[in-house]
């Protein structure tokens, strides 16, 4: 279930079997404190299929093709947000020349074929994808970047709401699975990170891409297996 980004799911509690309801097993997105490994399990957010993002099959070309950009960020920039701070740092340090940046001020519920195509090209042509927090640290962009072998640079900070803290949060499911991402506590550290990227060899970047694509494929299969195993244990005992 795609729960609240703030983990405010109290309306659902009466429906759980443990609370007298009829739901025996719940898979819930985001770092909910309800997750207990028994009747409430965590599920990854995944890609934004509702906005037309496709299923992407990994290929050798994703690993070996030269990527002209160090990083990318295409998205809506809200006032007084982490995204606005990120854009300020990119501008202050002249990083727009190294990264593919396209910001808009108003969120749109659906992408056009043209805007979706631009986004996919940005992922495919960038070594890194910048993933600032929104209402929650977990976002579609993380998984979409993985689909193209573009390493997510994740802002590793908690957000307001009722999501669990500590224990690897935020993004505890991905961290527990050993996600090979780059985690930043502050976007002020981005210029130094990008300088290290400039010093990497093409071979090093190709190996990292290969590792990311392999990890993501394995992660998806493990989640599939976890889902089917949980169903068997819950309903075919």
Foldseek 3Di string as FASTA:
>chain_A
DEDDLQLPDVVCVCQDVVNVHDQQAAEYEFQHPPDDPARYHYDAPEAPVVQPDDQFDDDLCLLQPAAQAAEEDEEEDEPPFLSVVLVVLCVVVVVVVRYHYHYDHDDDPYDDPVVSVVVLSRLSRHQAYEQEADQAQRDNSCNSSLSSLRAYAGQQDGHHHRGDDDPCPDVNVCVVLVQPHHYDPHSNCVVVVSVVVVVDDSVVSSVSSVVSNVSSVVSVVVSVVVVVVSCCVRPVD
